[in-house]
PDB file of N, CA and C in Angstrom:
ATOM      1  N   ALA A   1       0.848  -1.188   0.000  1.00  0.00           N
ATOM      2  CA  ALA A   1       0.000   0.000   0.000  1.00  0.00           C
ATOM      3  C   ALA A   1       0.881   1.233   0.000  1.00  0.00           C
ATOM      4  N   SER A   2       0.491   2.233  -0.759  1.00  0.00           N
ATOM      5  CA  SER A   2       1.287   3.455  -0.806  1.00  0.00           C
ATOM      6  C   SER A   2       0.833   4.408   0.293  1.00  0.00           C
ATOM      7  N   THR A   3       1.755   5.257   0.687  1.00  0.00           N
ATOM      8  CA  THR A   3       1.476   6.247   1.714  1.00  0.00           C
ATOM      9  C   THR A   3       1.599   7.620   1.093  1.00  0.00           C
ATOM     10  N   SER A   4       0.659   8.463   1.388  1.00  0.00           N
ATOM     11  CA  SER A   4       0.655   9.811   0.839  1.00  0.00           C
ATOM     12  C   SER A   4       1.852  10.598   1.375  1.00  0.00           C
ATOM     13  N   PRO A   5       2.565  11.320   0.498  1.00  0.00           N
ATOM     14  CA  PRO A   5       3.662  12.171   0.970  1.00  0.00           C
ATOM     15  C   PRO A   5       3.188  13.216   1.972  1.00  0.00           C
ATOM     16  N   ARG A   6       1.933  13.659   1.843  1.00  0.00           N
ATOM     17  CA  ARG A   6       1.409  14.641   2.799  1.00  0.00           C
ATOM     18  C   ARG A   6       1.359  14.066   4.208  1.00  0.00           C
ATOM     19  N   LEU A   7       0.992  12.789   4.309  1.00  0.00           N
ATOM     20  CA  LEU A   7       0.930  12.181   5.634  1.00  0.00           C
ATOM     21  C   LEU A   7       2.323  11.989   6.216  1.00  0.00           C
ATOM     22  N   LEU A   8       3.292  11.646   5.386  1.00  0.00           N
ATOM     23  CA  LEU A   8       4.666  11.532   5.869  1.00  0.00           C
ATOM     24  C   LEU A   8       5.183  12.884   6.345  1.00  0.00           C
ATOM     25  N   CYS A   9       4.817  13.943   5.635  1.00  0.00           N
ATOM     26  CA  CYS A   9       5.208  15.288   6.060  1.00  0.00           C
ATOM     27  C   CYS A   9       4.546  15.642   7.385  1.00  0.00           C
ATOM     28  N   ALA A  10       3.279  15.292   7.558  1.00  0.00           N
ATOM     29  CA  ALA A  10       2.572  15.591   8.799  1.00  0.00           C
ATOM     30  C   ALA A  10       3.221  14.884   9.979  1.00  0.00           C
ATOM     31  N   VAL A  11       3.596  13.628   9.807  1.00  0.00           N
ATOM     32  CA  VAL A  11       4.264  12.886  10.884  1.00  0.00           C
ATOM     33  C   VAL A  11       5.618  13.523  11.187  1.00  0.00           C
ATOM     34  N   SER A  12       6.342  13.947  10.165  1.00  0.00           N
ATOM     35  CA  SER A  12       7.648  14.589  10.367  1.00  0.00           C
ATOM     36  C   SER A  12       7.508  15.907  11.114  1.00  0.00           C
ATOM     37  N   VAL A  13       6.523  16.716  10.736  1.00  0.00           N
ATOM     38  CA  VAL A  13       6.299  17.998  11.405  1.00  0.00           C
ATOM     39  C   VAL A  13       5.894  17.766  12.862  1.00  0.00           C
ATOM     40  N   ALA A  14       5.000  16.825  13.105  1.00  0.00           N
ATOM     41  CA  ALA A  14       4.568  16.539  14.479  1.00  0.00           C
ATOM     42  C   ALA A  14       5.743  16.063  15.328  1.00  0.00           C
ATOM     43  N   THR A  15       6.595  15.223  14.765  1.00  0.00           N
ATOM     44  CA  THR A  15       7.764  14.744  15.494  1.00  0.00           C
ATOM     45  C   THR A  15       8.674  15.914  15.842  1.00  0.00           C
ATOM     46  N   ALA A  16       8.914  16.791  14.889  1.00  0.00           N
ATOM     47  CA  ALA A  16       9.783  17.944  15.140  1.00  0.00           C
ATOM     48  C   ALA A  16       9.204  18.857  16.217  1.00  0.00           C
ATOM     49  N   LEU A  17       7.884  19.037  16.231  1.00  0.00           N
ATOM     50  CA  LEU A  17       7.274  19.908  17.242  1.00  0.00           C
ATOM     51  C   LEU A  17       7.448  19.374  18.654  1.00  0.00           C
ATOM     52  N   LEU A  18       7.644  18.075  18.797  1.00  0.00           N
ATOM     53  CA  LEU A  18       7.833  17.487  20.119  1.00  0.00           C
ATOM     54  C   LEU A  18       9.257  17.667  20.636  1.00  0.00           C
ATOM     55  N   LEU A  19      10.183  18.028  19.766  1.00  0.00           N
ATOM     56  CA  LEU A  19      11.574  18.227  20.175  1.00  0.00           C
ATOM     57  C   LEU A  19      11.722  19.615  20.786  1.00  0.00           C
ATOM     58  N   PRO A  20      12.259  19.724  21.993  1.00  0.00           N
ATOM     59  CA  PRO A  20      12.313  21.012  22.689  1.00  0.00           C
ATOM     60  C   PRO A  20      13.070  22.107  21.938  1.00  0.00           C
ATOM     61  N   CYS A  21      14.066  21.783  21.162  1.00  0.00           N
ATOM     62  CA  CYS A  21      14.877  22.796  20.477  1.00  0.00           C
ATOM     63  C   CYS A  21      14.431  23.048  19.043  1.00  0.00           C
ATOM     64  N   ALA A  22      13.376  22.415  18.599  1.00  0.00           N
ATOM     65  CA  ALA A  22      12.939  22.557  17.206  1.00  0.00           C
ATOM     66  C   ALA A  22      12.243  23.895  16.988  1.00  0.00           C
ATOM     67  N   VAL A  23      12.340  24.395  15.769  1.00  0.00           N
ATOM     68  CA  VAL A  23      11.657  25.635  15.406  1.00  0.00           C
ATOM     69  C   VAL A  23      10.152  25.435  15.568  1.00  0.00           C
ATOM     70  N   GLY A  24       9.518  26.321  16.276  1.00  0.00           N
ATOM     71  CA  GLY A  24       8.072  26.257  16.452  1.00  0.00           C
ATOM     72  C   GLY A  24       7.609  25.431  17.645  1.00  0.00           C
ATOM     73  N   SER A  25       8.512  24.701  18.287  1.00  0.00           N
ATOM     74  CA  SER A  25       8.070  23.838  19.391  1.00  0.00           C
ATOM     75  C   SER A  25       7.492  24.642  20.549  1.00  0.00           C
ATOM     76  N   GLU A  26       8.004  25.858  20.752  1.00  0.00           N
ATOM     77  CA  GLU A  26       7.486  26.677  21.858  1.00  0.00           C
ATOM     78  C   GLU A  26       6.108  27.258  21.539  1.00  0.00           C
ATOM     79  N   LEU A  27       5.709  27.237  20.277  1.00  0.00           N
ATOM     80  CA  LEU A  27       4.404  27.761  19.876  1.00  0.00           C
ATOM     81  C   LEU A  27       3.332  26.688  19.780  1.00  0.00           C
ATOM     82  N   ALA A  28       3.749  25.436  19.687  1.00  0.00           N
ATOM     83  CA  ALA A  28       2.796  24.336  19.492  1.00  0.00           C
ATOM     84  C   ALA A  28       1.997  24.087  20.762  1.00  0.00           C
ATOM     85  N   GLN A  29       0.725  23.792  20.595  1.00  0.00           N
ATOM     86  CA  GLN A  29      -0.120  23.388  21.710  1.00  0.00           C
ATOM     87  C   GLN A  29      -0.085  21.872  21.757  1.00  0.00           C
ATOM     88  N   LEU A  30       0.823  21.336  22.562  1.00  0.00           N
ATOM     89  CA  LEU A  30       1.038  19.897  22.589  1.00  0.00           C
ATOM     90  C   LEU A  30      -0.066  19.190  23.367  1.00  0.00           C
ATOM     91  N   PRO A  31      -0.492  18.045  22.876  1.00  0.00           N
ATOM     92  CA  PRO A  31      -1.556  17.290  23.544  1.00  0.00           C
ATOM     93  C   PRO A  31      -1.026  16.582  24.780  1.00  0.00           C
ATOM     94  N   GLY A  32      -1.931  16.058  25.572  1.00  0.00           N
ATOM     95  CA  GLY A  32      -1.548  15.267  26.726  1.00  0.00           C
ATOM     96  C   GLY A  32      -1.019  13.907  26.280  1.00  0.00           C
ATOM     97  N   PRO A  33      -0.460  13.144  27.206  1.00  0.00           N
ATOM     98  CA  PRO A  33       0.071  11.816  26.868  1.00  0.00           C
ATOM     99  C   PRO A  33      -0.993  10.920  26.238  1.00  0.00           C
ATOM    100  N   GLY A  34      -0.652  10.283  25.128  1.00  0.00           N
ATOM    101  CA  GLY A  34      -1.563   9.381  24.449  1.00  0.00           C
ATOM    102  C   GLY A  34      -2.580  10.043  23.545  1.00  0.00           C
ATOM    103  N   GLU A  35      -2.611  11.378  23.505  1.00  0.00           N
ATOM    104  CA  GLU A  35      -3.560  12.096  22.650  1.00  0.00           C
ATOM    105  C   GLU A  35      -2.871  12.506  21.356  1.00  0.00           C
ATOM    106  N   PRO A  36      -3.602  12.520  20.235  1.00  0.00           N
ATOM    107  CA  PRO A  36      -2.983  12.923  18.966  1.00  0.00           C
ATOM    108  C   PRO A  36      -2.759  14.435  18.897  1.00  0.00           C
ATOM    109  N   LEU A  37      -1.822  14.821  18.068  1.00  0.00           N
ATOM    110  CA  LEU A  37      -1.536  16.224  17.791  1.00  0.00           C
ATOM    111  C   LEU A  37      -2.257  16.583  16.497  1.00  0.00           C
ATOM    112  N   ARG A  38      -3.092  17.610  16.530  1.00  0.00           N
ATOM    113  CA  ARG A  38      -3.847  18.018  15.333  1.00  0.00           C
ATOM    114  C   ARG A  38      -3.051  19.068  14.575  1.00  0.00           C
ATOM    115  N   LEU A  39      -2.756  18.752  13.312  1.00  0.00           N
ATOM    116  CA  LEU A  39      -2.074  19.693  12.427  1.00  0.00           C
ATOM    117  C   LEU A  39      -3.083  20.203  11.408  1.00  0.00           C
ATOM    118  N   GLU A  40      -3.208  21.516  11.324  1.00  0.00           N
ATOM    119  CA  GLU A  40      -4.132  22.115  10.360  1.00  0.00           C
ATOM    120  C   GLU A  40      -3.378  22.491   9.100  1.00  0.00           C
ATOM    121  N   HIS A  41      -4.049  22.351   7.958  1.00  0.00           N
ATOM    122  CA  HIS A  41      -3.461  22.689   6.667  1.00  0.00           C
ATOM    123  C   HIS A  41      -4.540  23.293   5.782  1.00  0.00           C
ATOM    124  N   SER A  42      -4.185  23.614   4.571  1.00  0.00           N
ATOM    125  CA  SER A  42      -5.098  24.357   3.698  1.00  0.00           C
ATOM    126  C   SER A  42      -6.378  23.600   3.345  1.00  0.00           C
ATOM    127  N   THR A  43      -6.378  22.276   3.412  1.00  0.00           N
ATOM    128  CA  THR A  43      -7.587  21.519   3.065  1.00  0.00           C
ATOM    129  C   THR A  43      -8.264  20.890   4.276  1.00  0.00           C
ATOM    130  N   GLY A  44      -7.830  21.227   5.466  1.00  0.00           N
ATOM    131  CA  GLY A  44      -8.455  20.669   6.665  1.00  0.00           C
ATOM    132  C   GLY A  44      -7.451  20.439   7.768  1.00  0.00           C
ATOM    133  N   SER A  45      -7.482  19.253   8.339  1.00  0.00           N
ATOM    134  CA  SER A  45      -6.555  18.921   9.417  1.00  0.00           C
ATOM    135  C   SER A  45      -6.300  17.420   9.416  1.00  0.00           C
ATOM    136  N   VAL A  46      -5.233  17.030  10.098  1.00  0.00           N
ATOM    137  CA  VAL A  46      -4.898  15.623  10.262  1.00  0.00           C
ATOM    138  C   VAL A  46      -4.424  15.439  11.697  1.00  0.00           C
ATOM    139  N   ASP A  47      -4.867  14.360  12.327  1.00  0.00           N
ATOM    140  CA  ASP A  47      -4.432  14.022  13.675  1.00  0.00           C
ATOM    141  C   ASP A  47      -3.269  13.048  13.580  1.00  0.00           C
ATOM    142  N   VAL A  48      -2.165  13.396  14.233  1.00  0.00           N
ATOM    143  CA  VAL A  48      -0.945  12.615  14.172  1.00  0.00           C
ATOM    144  C   VAL A  48      -0.575  12.163  15.578  1.00  0.00           C
ATOM    145  N   SER A  49      -0.163  10.915  15.690  1.00  0.00           N
ATOM    146  CA  SER A  49       0.254  10.352  16.970  1.00  0.00           C
ATOM    147  C   SER A  49       1.749  10.061  16.904  1.00  0.00           C
ATOM    148  N   VAL A  50       2.528  10.648  17.816  1.00  0.00           N
ATOM    149  CA  VAL A  50       3.975  10.455  17.848  1.00  0.00           C
ATOM    150  C   VAL A  50       4.400  10.220  19.289  1.00  0.00           C
ATOM    151  N   GLU A  51       5.274   9.245  19.489  1.00  0.00           N
ATOM    152  CA  GLU A  51       5.839   8.994  20.811  1.00  0.00           C
ATOM    153  C   GLU A  51       7.356   8.955  20.680  1.00  0.00           C
ATOM    154  N   LEU A  52       8.033   9.841  21.414  1.00  0.00           N
ATOM    155  CA  LEU A  52       9.489   9.851  21.417  1.00  0.00           C
ATOM    156  C   LEU A  52      10.006   8.835  22.422  1.00  0.00           C
ATOM    157  N   ASP A  53      11.176   8.312  22.170  1.00  0.00           N
ATOM    158  CA  ASP A  53      11.802   7.334  23.066  1.00  0.00           C
ATOM    159  C   ASP A  53      12.347   8.071  24.284  1.00  0.00           C
ATOM    160  N   PRO A  54      11.801   7.826  25.488  1.00  0.00           N
ATOM    161  CA  PRO A  54      12.259   8.545  26.673  1.00  0.00           C
ATOM    162  C   PRO A  54      13.678   8.144  27.090  1.00  0.00           C
ATOM    163  N   ASP A  55      14.173   7.014  26.618  1.00  0.00           N
ATOM    164  CA  ASP A  55      15.516   6.557  26.989  1.00  0.00           C
ATOM    165  C   ASP A  55      16.600   7.123  26.078  1.00  0.00           C
ATOM    166  N   ALA A  56      16.228   7.806  25.015  1.00  0.00           N
ATOM    167  CA  ALA A  56      17.210   8.380  24.092  1.00  0.00           C
ATOM    168  C   ALA A  56      17.858   9.610  24.720  1.00  0.00           C
ATOM    169  N   SER A  57      19.088   9.874  24.338  1.00  0.00           N
ATOM    170  CA  SER A  57      19.777  11.049  24.866  1.00  0.00           C
ATOM    171  C   SER A  57      19.179  12.310  24.235  1.00  0.00           C
ATOM    172  N   PRO A  58      19.201  13.432  24.947  1.00  0.00           N
ATOM    173  CA  PRO A  58      18.602  14.671  24.424  1.00  0.00           C
ATOM    174  C   PRO A  58      19.258  15.154  23.131  1.00  0.00           C
ATOM    175  N   ASP A  59      20.531  14.872  22.932  1.00  0.00           N
ATOM    176  CA  ASP A  59      21.195  15.333  21.720  1.00  0.00           C
ATOM    177  C   ASP A  59      20.981  14.389  20.534  1.00  0.00           C
ATOM    178  N   ARG A  60      20.413  13.207  20.784  1.00  0.00           N
ATOM    179  CA  ARG A  60      20.089  12.259  19.705  1.00  0.00           C
ATOM    180  C   ARG A  60      18.714  11.647  19.956  1.00  0.00           C
ATOM    181  N   PRO A  61      17.651  12.435  19.796  1.00  0.00           N
ATOM    182  CA  PRO A  61      16.298  11.910  20.061  1.00  0.00           C
ATOM    183  C   PRO A  61      15.915  10.831  19.056  1.00  0.00           C
ATOM    184  N   ARG A  62      15.058   9.924  19.518  1.00  0.00           N
ATOM    185  CA  ARG A  62      14.551   8.851  18.649  1.00  0.00           C
ATOM    186  C   ARG A  62      13.039   8.801  18.776  1.00  0.00           C
ATOM    187  N   THR A  63      12.415   8.416  17.680  1.00  0.00           N
ATOM    188  CA  THR A  63      10.969   8.235  17.673  1.00  0.00           C
ATOM    189  C   THR A  63      10.663   6.780  17.966  1.00  0.00           C
ATOM    190  N   ARG A  64       9.808   6.547  18.945  1.00  0.00           N
ATOM    191  CA  ARG A  64       9.404   5.170  19.266  1.00  0.00           C
ATOM    192  C   ARG A  64       8.286   4.710  18.341  1.00  0.00           C
ATOM    193  N   THR A  65       7.245   5.519  18.216  1.00  0.00           N
ATOM    194  CA  THR A  65       6.136   5.210  17.307  1.00  0.00           C
ATOM    195  C   THR A  65       5.646   6.497  16.656  1.00  0.00           C
ATOM    196  N   ALA A  66       5.087   6.359  15.476  1.00  0.00           N
ATOM    197  CA  ALA A  66       4.501   7.505  14.779  1.00  0.00           C
ATOM    198  C   ALA A  66       3.436   6.998  13.829  1.00  0.00           C
ATOM    199  N   GLY A  67       2.392   7.768  13.664  1.00  0.00           N
ATOM    200  CA  GLY A  67       1.322   7.390  12.755  1.00  0.00           C
ATOM    201  C   GLY A  67       0.280   8.482  12.699  1.00  0.00           C
ATOM    202  N   TRP A  68      -0.755   8.261  11.953  1.00  0.00           N
ATOM    203  CA  TRP A  68      -1.837   9.223  11.852  1.00  0.00           C
ATOM    204  C   TRP A  68      -3.142   8.519  12.167  1.00  0.00           C
ATOM    205  N   VAL A  69      -4.107   9.323  12.560  1.00  0.00           N
ATOM    206  CA  VAL A  69      -5.414   8.809  12.953  1.00  0.00           C
ATOM    207  C   VAL A  69      -6.337   8.915  11.747  1.00  0.00           C
ATOM    208  N   ARG A  70      -6.903   7.789  11.366  1.00  0.00           N
ATOM    209  CA  ARG A  70      -7.860   7.786  10.253  1.00  0.00           C
ATOM    210  C   ARG A  70      -9.261   7.634  10.824  1.00  0.00           C
ATOM    211  N   THR A  71     -10.186   8.322  10.218  1.00  0.00           N
ATOM    212  CA  THR A  71     -11.576   8.226  10.664  1.00  0.00           C
ATOM    213  C   THR A  71     -12.476   8.007   9.457  1.00  0.00           C
ATOM    214  N   ALA A  72     -13.645   7.522   9.735  1.00  0.00           N
ATOM    215  CA  ALA A  72     -14.646   7.347   8.684  1.00  0.00           C
ATOM    216  C   ALA A  72     -15.776   8.328   8.958  1.00  0.00           C
ATOM    217  N   ARG A  73     -16.385   8.796   7.914  1.00  0.00           N
ATOM    218  CA  ARG A  73     -17.532   9.677   8.103  1.00  0.00           C
ATOM    219  C   ARG A  73     -18.727   9.098   7.363  1.00  0.00           C
ATOM    220  N   LYS A  74     -19.886   9.406   7.870  1.00  0.00           N
ATOM    221  CA  LYS A  74     -21.118   8.918   7.261  1.00  0.00           C
ATOM    222  C   LYS A  74     -21.322   9.622   5.934  1.00  0.00           C
ATOM    223  N   LEU A  75     -21.528   8.862   4.886  1.00  0.00           N
ATOM    224  CA  LEU A  75     -21.714   9.430   3.563  1.00  0.00           C
ATOM    225  C   LEU A  75     -23.180   9.600   3.183  1.00  0.00           C
ATOM    226  N   PHE A  76     -24.053   8.795   3.801  1.00  0.00           N
ATOM    227  CA  PHE A  76     -25.451   8.840   3.401  1.00  0.00           C
ATOM    228  C   PHE A  76     -26.305   8.375   4.555  1.00  0.00           C
ATOM    229  N   GLU A  77     -27.459   8.986   4.689  1.00  0.00           N
ATOM    230  CA  GLU A  77     -28.437   8.541   5.672  1.00  0.00           C
ATOM    231  C   GLU A  77     -29.800   8.664   5.009  1.00  0.00           C
ATOM    232  N   GLY A  78     -30.614   7.649   5.155  1.00  0.00           N
ATOM    233  CA  GLY A  78     -31.914   7.696   4.500  1.00  0.00           C
ATOM    234  C   GLY A  78     -32.899   6.754   5.149  1.00  0.00           C
ATOM    235  N   THR A  79     -34.090   6.790   4.664  1.00  0.00           N
ATOM    236  CA  THR A  79     -35.148   5.918   5.146  1.00  0.00           C
ATOM    237  C   THR A  79     -35.601   5.032   3.997  1.00  0.00           C
ATOM    238  N   VAL A  80     -35.788   3.759   4.279  1.00  0.00           N
ATOM    239  CA  VAL A  80     -36.235   2.800   3.270  1.00  0.00           C
ATOM    240  C   VAL A  80     -37.662   2.391   3.610  1.00  0.00           C
ATOM    241  N   PHE A  81     -38.521   2.378   2.597  1.00  0.00           N
ATOM    242  CA  PHE A  81     -39.899   1.944   2.770  1.00  0.00           C
ATOM    243  C   PHE A  81     -40.108   0.691   1.908  1.00  0.00           C
ATOM    244  N   PRO A  82     -39.884  -0.490   2.450  1.00  0.00           N
ATOM    245  CA  PRO A  82     -40.037  -1.697   1.658  1.00  0.00           C
ATOM    246  C   PRO A  82     -41.514  -1.941   1.331  1.00  0.00           C
ATOM    247  N   ARG A  83     -41.734  -2.687   0.233  1.00  0.00           N
ATOM    248  CA  ARG A  83     -43.095  -3.072  -0.136  1.00  0.00           C
ATOM    249  C   ARG A  83     -43.659  -4.016   0.912  1.00  0.00           C
ATOM    250  N   PRO A  84     -44.982  -3.980   1.092  1.00  0.00           N
ATOM    251  CA  PRO A  84     -45.577  -4.950   1.990  1.00  0.00           C
ATOM    252  C   PRO A  84     -45.421  -6.355   1.405  1.00  0.00           C
ATOM    253  N   ALA A  85     -45.342  -7.343   2.252  1.00  0.00           N
ATOM    254  CA  ALA A  85     -45.211  -8.741   1.805  1.00  0.00           C
ATOM    255  C   ALA A  85     -46.451  -9.119   1.000  1.00  0.00           C
ATOM    256  N   ALA A  86     -46.246  -9.884  -0.061  1.00  0.00           N
ATOM    257  CA  ALA A  86     -47.358 -10.286  -0.925  1.00  0.00           C
ATOM    258  C   ALA A  86     -48.164 -11.379  -0.315  1.00  0.00           C
TER     259      ALA A  86
END
């Protein structure tokens, strides 16, 4: 399965925002532990989940897990009126 370059960029940006010395990290509204980070863009937003390795040294951070949250939305809602049984 292919992965969208936009999603890879979103995971990279979210990871960078979690690093204390990264550009923009002091401006980011970071979520609580286990909560996704919402990144807004020109066509909407994407929720990204990133966990840094707490055992890594501060000068060489490592990512333990990273991914994005996918959701489904309802496309149609309707009422069906079946014929009465013959």
